[in-house]
């Protein structure tokens, strides 16, 4: 099944909102998929697109500095976090 560009953009907005509201924590793809009730492979594809656009950042190491070998964690990029924060401070609802 093909999902329209509009719907994909809405899902990306949902991802950014989830990551913003839970910042500074990072989440595995499976956790984000579960939260937004979407397929993991589809979410991974969207997250990789968002990474190329600079919307999210990959976390490749755990807190002890050991690299994740099979999975990736994601967080909102610093630039986008600041943008969301400014909008919120101006009273604009960020979903």
C-alpha atoms as a PDB file:
ATOM      1  CA  UNK A   1       0.000   0.000   0.000  1.00  0.00           C
ATOM      2  CA  UNK A   2       1.319   3.437  -0.940  1.00  0.00           C
ATOM      3  CA  UNK A   3       0.968   6.287   1.546  1.00  0.00           C
ATOM      4  CA  UNK A   4       0.586   9.772   0.094  1.00  0.00           C
ATOM      5  CA  UNK A   5       3.250  12.439   0.558  1.00  0.00           C
ATOM      6  CA  UNK A   6       0.797  14.474   2.651  1.00  0.00           C
ATOM      7  CA  UNK A   7       0.228  11.594   5.065  1.00  0.00           C
ATOM      8  CA  UNK A   8       3.951  10.872   5.263  1.00  0.00           C
ATOM      9  CA  UNK A   9       4.552  14.522   6.149  1.00  0.00           C
ATOM     10  CA  UNK A  10       1.902  14.296   8.898  1.00  0.00           C
ATOM     11  CA  UNK A  11       3.588  11.190  10.298  1.00  0.00           C
ATOM     12  CA  UNK A  12       6.944  13.006  10.225  1.00  0.00           C
ATOM     13  CA  UNK A  13       5.340  15.859  12.172  1.00  0.00           C
ATOM     14  CA  UNK A  14       4.152  13.287  14.710  1.00  0.00           C
ATOM     15  CA  UNK A  15       7.677  11.908  15.019  1.00  0.00           C
ATOM     16  CA  UNK A  16       9.120  15.383  15.590  1.00  0.00           C
ATOM     17  CA  UNK A  17       6.444  16.192  18.136  1.00  0.00           C
ATOM     18  CA  UNK A  18       7.083  12.967  20.047  1.00  0.00           C
ATOM     19  CA  UNK A  19      10.849  13.535  20.065  1.00  0.00           C
ATOM     20  CA  UNK A  20      10.446  17.206  21.056  1.00  0.00           C
ATOM     21  CA  UNK A  21       8.148  16.474  23.976  1.00  0.00           C
ATOM     22  CA  UNK A  22      10.468  13.730  25.211  1.00  0.00           C
ATOM     23  CA  UNK A  23      13.713  15.612  24.621  1.00  0.00           C
ATOM     24  CA  UNK A  24      16.593  15.168  25.531  1.00  0.00           C
ATOM     25  CA  UNK A  25      15.922  11.421  25.562  1.00  0.00           C
ATOM     26  CA  UNK A  26      16.594   9.336  22.477  1.00  0.00           C
ATOM     27  CA  UNK A  27      14.504   6.403  21.294  1.00  0.00           C
ATOM     28  CA  UNK A  28      14.972   3.265  19.254  1.00  0.00           C
ATOM     29  CA  UNK A  29      13.012   3.019  16.005  1.00  0.00           C
ATOM     30  CA  UNK A  30      10.827   0.328  17.583  1.00  0.00           C
ATOM     31  CA  UNK A  31       9.853   2.646  20.453  1.00  0.00           C
ATOM     32  CA  UNK A  32       8.872   5.442  18.077  1.00  0.00           C
ATOM     33  CA  UNK A  33       6.942   2.965  15.908  1.00  0.00           C
ATOM     34  CA  UNK A  34       5.049   1.670  18.920  1.00  0.00           C
ATOM     35  CA  UNK A  35       4.203   5.178  20.114  1.00  0.00           C
ATOM     36  CA  UNK A  36       2.826   6.220  16.710  1.00  0.00           C
ATOM     37  CA  UNK A  37       1.326   2.799  15.882  1.00  0.00           C
ATOM     38  CA  UNK A  38       3.284   2.368  12.644  1.00  0.00           C
ATOM     39  CA  UNK A  39       5.375  -0.350  11.024  1.00  0.00           C
ATOM     40  CA  UNK A  40       9.062  -0.307  12.057  1.00  0.00           C
ATOM     41  CA  UNK A  41      10.445  -0.549   8.522  1.00  0.00           C
ATOM     42  CA  UNK A  42       8.236   2.308   7.355  1.00  0.00           C
ATOM     43  CA  UNK A  43       9.286   4.419  10.350  1.00  0.00           C
ATOM     44  CA  UNK A  44      12.960   3.648   9.713  1.00  0.00           C
ATOM     45  CA  UNK A  45      12.565   4.848   6.125  1.00  0.00           C
ATOM     46  CA  UNK A  46      10.949   8.093   7.292  1.00  0.00           C
ATOM     47  CA  UNK A  47      13.579   8.626   9.992  1.00  0.00           C
ATOM     48  CA  UNK A  48      16.371   8.160   7.451  1.00  0.00           C
ATOM     49  CA  UNK A  49      14.721  10.749   5.178  1.00  0.00           C
ATOM     50  CA  UNK A  50      14.420  13.100   8.134  1.00  0.00           C
ATOM     51  CA  UNK A  51      18.094  12.542   8.985  1.00  0.00           C
ATOM     52  CA  UNK A  52      19.082  13.657   5.477  1.00  0.00           C
ATOM     53  CA  UNK A  53      16.929  16.775   5.933  1.00  0.00           C
ATOM     54  CA  UNK A  54      18.574  17.556   9.288  1.00  0.00           C
ATOM     55  CA  UNK A  55      15.367  17.127  11.287  1.00  0.00           C
ATOM     56  CA  UNK A  56      16.569  14.286  13.495  1.00  0.00           C
ATOM     57  CA  UNK A  57      19.935  13.039  14.699  1.00  0.00           C
ATOM     58  CA  UNK A  58      21.204   9.494  15.026  1.00  0.00           C
ATOM     59  CA  UNK A  59      22.552   8.295  18.353  1.00  0.00           C
ATOM     60  CA  UNK A  60      25.055   5.556  17.623  1.00  0.00           C
ATOM     61  CA  UNK A  61      26.544   5.071  21.092  1.00  0.00           C
ATOM     62  CA  UNK A  62      25.052   4.227  24.459  1.00  0.00           C
ATOM     63  CA  UNK A  63      25.722   6.162  27.660  1.00  0.00           C
ATOM     64  CA  UNK A  64      28.866   4.138  28.304  1.00  0.00           C
ATOM     65  CA  UNK A  65      30.278   5.038  24.888  1.00  0.00           C
ATOM     66  CA  UNK A  66      29.749   1.610  23.360  1.00  0.00           C
ATOM     67  CA  UNK A  67      28.478   1.650  19.790  1.00  0.00           C
ATOM     68  CA  UNK A  68      25.100   0.140  18.938  1.00  0.00           C
ATOM     69  CA  UNK A  69      25.716  -2.619  16.421  1.00  0.00           C
ATOM     70  CA  UNK A  70      22.249  -3.626  15.262  1.00  0.00           C
ATOM     71  CA  UNK A  71      19.993  -0.735  16.210  1.00  0.00           C
ATOM     72  CA  UNK A  72      19.910   3.030  16.127  1.00  0.00           C
ATOM     73  CA  UNK A  73      18.437   5.540  18.524  1.00  0.00           C
ATOM     74  CA  UNK A  74      16.980   8.824  17.352  1.00  0.00           C
ATOM     75  CA  UNK A  75      16.547  12.269  18.841  1.00  0.00           C
ATOM     76  CA  UNK A  76      15.372  15.605  17.532  1.00  0.00           C
ATOM     77  CA  UNK A  77      18.205  17.682  16.072  1.00  0.00           C
ATOM     78  CA  UNK A  78      19.393  20.669  18.108  1.00  0.00           C
ATOM     79  CA  UNK A  79      18.405  23.120  15.340  1.00  0.00           C
ATOM     80  CA  UNK A  80      14.848  21.793  15.125  1.00  0.00           C
ATOM     81  CA  UNK A  81      14.529  21.626  18.923  1.00  0.00           C
ATOM     82  CA  UNK A  82      15.392  25.323  19.165  1.00  0.00           C
ATOM     83  CA  UNK A  83      12.894  26.156  16.410  1.00  0.00           C
ATOM     84  CA  UNK A  84      10.120  24.244  18.199  1.00  0.00           C
ATOM     85  CA  UNK A  85      11.042  25.894  21.504  1.00  0.00           C
ATOM     86  CA  UNK A  86      10.835  29.389  19.949  1.00  0.00           C
ATOM     87  CA  UNK A  87       7.437  28.613  18.444  1.00  0.00           C
ATOM     88  CA  UNK A  88       6.201  27.326  21.769  1.00  0.00           C
ATOM     89  CA  UNK A  89       7.480  30.442  23.570  1.00  0.00           C
ATOM     90  CA  UNK A  90       5.550  32.605  21.083  1.00  0.00           C
ATOM     91  CA  UNK A  91       2.388  30.751  22.041  1.00  0.00           C
ATOM     92  CA  UNK A  92       2.131  28.706  18.864  1.00  0.00           C
ATOM     93  CA  UNK A  93       0.839  25.218  19.624  1.00  0.00           C
ATOM     94  CA  UNK A  94       3.378  22.526  18.784  1.00  0.00           C
ATOM     95  CA  UNK A  95       1.749  19.129  18.473  1.00  0.00           C
END
